[in-house]
Amino acid sequence: MERRQFPRVPVCYLGHVSTGDKAALDAVVLDLSVGGCRMHSTTPVLPGACLDLQIALPNQIAPFVVKGATVRWSRQPEFGVSFTGLRPEDQARLCRLM
């Protein structure tokens, strides 16, 4: 049974992840929904970590920025995050892009 609130869309977008301690890493977004995404990175990320994301979306000049995402699961080299700090206008933008 699918427990996700929003449908996921398979993608392959470049992403940049920042943690609270200012560490940064590059990642690839593998699937995306209005509520979160699945990412791939060679750097381990622990569940519960709070992140900020920048996602390079196609045909967009500026990256899509998420100030506030929480790592829900991690199985190296992939991890899943939920968008906990997505503003309503950014959520609407993401809905339009998907």
Protein backbone atom coordinates (compact mmCIF):
# COMPACT_ATOMS: atom_id res chain seq x y z
CA MET A 1 0.00 0.00 0.00
CA GLU A 2 1.36 3.42 -1.02
CA ARG A 3 1.68 5.72 2.01
CA ARG A 4 2.83 8.80 0.16
CA GLN A 5 0.60 11.86 0.16
CA PHE A 6 1.84 13.09 -3.23
CA PRO A 7 2.66 11.10 -6.39
CA ARG A 8 6.34 10.75 -7.27
CA VAL A 9 7.77 11.56 -10.70
CA PRO A 10 10.99 9.88 -11.87
CA VAL A 11 13.58 12.55 -12.74
CA CYS A 12 17.31 13.02 -13.05
CA TYR A 13 18.19 16.52 -11.81
CA LEU A 14 21.37 17.85 -10.29
CA GLY A 15 21.05 18.93 -6.70
CA HIS A 16 23.11 20.64 -4.03
CA VAL A 17 22.57 19.81 -0.37
CA SER A 18 23.64 21.93 2.61
CA THR A 19 23.48 20.84 6.23
CA GLY A 20 23.17 22.96 9.32
CA ASP A 21 26.90 22.75 10.00
CA LYS A 22 27.54 24.32 6.57
CA ALA A 23 28.74 21.06 5.01
CA ALA A 24 27.70 20.85 1.37
CA LEU A 25 27.48 18.01 -1.08
CA ASP A 26 26.33 17.38 -4.62
CA ALA A 27 23.56 14.90 -5.25
CA VAL A 28 21.27 13.69 -8.00
CA VAL A 29 17.50 13.89 -7.55
CA LEU A 30 16.03 10.56 -8.71
CA ASP A 31 12.37 11.19 -8.06
CA LEU A 32 10.43 14.25 -7.02
CA SER A 33 7.04 15.08 -5.57
CA VAL A 34 5.46 18.11 -3.98
CA GLY A 35 6.22 16.59 -0.58
CA GLY A 36 9.82 15.47 -1.03
CA CYS A 37 12.35 13.63 -3.15
CA ARG A 38 14.73 10.69 -3.38
CA MET A 39 18.38 11.57 -3.88
CA HIS A 40 21.66 9.82 -4.67
CA SER A 41 24.99 10.92 -3.18
CA THR A 42 28.35 9.33 -2.53
CA THR A 43 28.41 11.12 0.84
CA PRO A 44 26.41 9.38 3.58
CA VAL A 45 23.45 11.30 5.02
CA LEU A 46 21.82 10.28 8.30
CA PRO A 47 18.07 10.04 8.92
CA GLY A 48 16.78 13.00 10.88
CA ALA A 49 19.30 15.43 9.40
CA CYS A 50 17.91 18.85 8.48
CA LEU A 51 18.97 20.05 5.04
CA ASP A 52 18.58 22.90 2.59
CA LEU A 53 18.36 21.92 -1.07
CA GLN A 54 18.94 23.52 -4.43
CA ILE A 55 17.58 21.56 -7.38
CA ALA A 56 18.44 22.45 -10.98
CA LEU A 57 15.14 22.11 -12.85
CA PRO A 58 15.04 21.97 -16.65
CA ASN A 59 14.28 25.21 -18.50
CA GLN A 60 14.68 27.22 -15.29
CA ILE A 61 17.39 29.84 -14.83
CA ALA A 62 17.39 29.81 -11.03
CA PRO A 63 17.51 26.56 -9.05
CA PHE A 64 14.49 25.45 -7.06
CA VAL A 65 15.36 26.16 -3.40
CA VAL A 66 13.99 24.27 -0.42
CA LYS A 67 14.85 25.86 2.92
CA GLY A 68 14.01 23.03 5.25
CA ALA A 69 14.02 19.35 4.36
CA THR A 70 14.32 16.38 6.69
CA VAL A 71 16.04 13.12 5.82
CA ARG A 72 13.43 10.37 6.42
CA TRP A 73 15.50 7.35 5.38
CA SER A 74 18.98 6.53 4.13
CA ARG A 75 20.27 3.42 2.36
CA GLN A 76 23.66 4.36 0.97
CA PRO A 77 23.98 5.74 -1.69
CA GLU A 78 20.34 6.93 -1.68
CA PHE A 79 18.25 8.87 0.81
CA GLY A 80 14.76 10.31 0.94
CA VAL A 81 13.77 13.72 2.22
CA SER A 82 10.48 15.39 3.01
CA PHE A 83 10.09 19.10 2.37
CA THR A 84 9.30 20.54 5.78
CA GLY A 85 9.91 24.20 4.96
CA LEU A 86 8.33 24.59 1.53
CA ARG A 87 6.51 27.90 1.17
CA PRO A 88 3.03 27.75 -0.41
CA GLU A 89 4.18 29.71 -3.47
CA ASP A 90 7.10 27.30 -3.97
CA GLN A 91 4.77 24.34 -3.55
CA ALA A 92 2.49 25.83 -6.25
CA ARG A 93 5.52 26.40 -8.53
CA LEU A 94 6.61 22.81 -8.08
CA CYS A 95 3.08 21.58 -8.87
CA ARG A 96 3.10 23.60 -12.12
CA LEU A 97 6.52 22.24 -13.13
CA MET A 98 5.54 18.64 -12.51
